[in-house]
Amino acid sequence: MTTYLTASQAARILGLSAERVRQLATAGTLPCVETPLGRLFDADEVDRLHARRQPKGDSGPTLGEPDIEDRP
């Protein structure tokens, strides 16, 4: 089952603004699904883009991994 993210959720993972995530979708860099409520982003695609953007050895947060502020 595919997990979808909002632009804000994808932006948090990617370390970008939600507006920049929407720009990436418009440019075709980050695929999305258009819905009546806005664009949704496949979590796997977001993770793939995140992995391509990270320096070697720094995986950063992913969908399955909480950010530091979410950890107990």
Protein backbone atom coordinates (compact mmCIF):
# COMPACT_ATOMS: atom_id res chain seq x y z
CA MET A 1 0.00 0.00 0.00
CA THR A 2 1.36 3.39 -0.96
CA THR A 3 1.81 6.03 1.70
CA TYR A 4 1.24 9.61 0.59
CA LEU A 5 2.56 12.80 2.14
CA THR A 6 1.43 16.40 1.96
CA ALA A 7 3.84 19.02 0.63
CA SER A 8 4.55 20.09 4.22
CA GLN A 9 5.37 16.55 5.31
CA ALA A 10 7.62 15.99 2.29
CA ALA A 11 9.29 19.35 2.92
CA ARG A 12 10.13 18.36 6.49
CA ILE A 13 11.84 15.16 5.33
CA LEU A 14 13.69 16.93 2.51
CA GLY A 15 14.68 19.96 4.58
CA LEU A 16 12.95 22.30 2.13
CA SER A 17 9.96 24.61 2.17
CA ALA A 18 6.56 23.30 1.10
CA GLU A 19 6.68 25.83 -1.75
CA ARG A 20 9.99 24.37 -2.98
CA VAL A 21 8.50 20.86 -2.86
CA ARG A 22 5.62 22.09 -5.05
CA GLN A 23 8.15 23.65 -7.44
CA LEU A 24 9.98 20.32 -7.69
CA ALA A 25 6.67 18.65 -8.53
CA THR A 26 5.91 21.24 -11.21
CA ALA A 27 9.38 20.70 -12.70
CA GLY A 28 8.81 16.93 -12.74
CA THR A 29 11.64 16.25 -10.28
CA LEU A 30 9.29 14.90 -7.61
CA PRO A 31 6.23 13.02 -8.89
CA CYS A 32 2.92 13.79 -7.25
CA VAL A 33 -0.75 12.94 -7.41
CA GLU A 34 -3.16 15.83 -7.95
CA THR A 35 -6.22 15.70 -5.68
CA PRO A 36 -9.07 18.15 -5.12
CA LEU A 37 -7.35 19.13 -1.85
CA GLY A 38 -3.87 19.56 -3.35
CA ARG A 39 -0.84 17.54 -4.32
CA LEU A 40 0.18 14.37 -2.54
CA PHE A 41 3.65 12.86 -2.71
CA ASP A 42 4.55 9.16 -2.64
CA ALA A 43 6.65 8.62 0.50
CA ASP A 44 9.02 6.27 -1.37
CA GLU A 45 9.70 8.94 -4.01
CA VAL A 46 10.36 11.51 -1.29
CA ASP A 47 12.79 9.12 0.41
CA ARG A 48 14.56 8.46 -2.93
CA LEU A 49 14.97 12.18 -3.59
CA HIS A 50 16.16 12.69 -0.03
CA ALA A 51 18.79 9.96 -0.45
CA ARG A 52 20.05 11.56 -3.68
CA ARG A 53 20.34 14.97 -2.00
CA GLN A 54 22.29 13.77 1.07
CA PRO A 55 26.08 13.71 1.26
CA LYS A 56 27.55 10.21 1.49
CA GLY A 57 27.22 8.83 5.02
CA ASP A 58 24.41 11.21 6.10
CA SER A 59 21.05 9.56 5.56
CA GLY A 60 19.07 12.13 7.60
CA PRO A 61 15.42 11.55 8.59
CA THR A 62 13.11 9.40 6.48
CA LEU A 63 9.43 8.60 6.72
CA GLY A 64 10.07 5.58 8.94
CA GLU A 65 12.53 7.39 11.19
CA PRO A 66 11.37 10.10 13.63
CA ASP A 67 13.12 13.45 13.70
CA ILE A 68 15.24 14.25 16.75
CA GLU A 69 12.51 16.36 18.36
CA ASP A 70 10.08 13.41 18.06
CA ARG A 71 12.35 11.03 19.96
CA PRO A 72 11.79 10.43 23.69
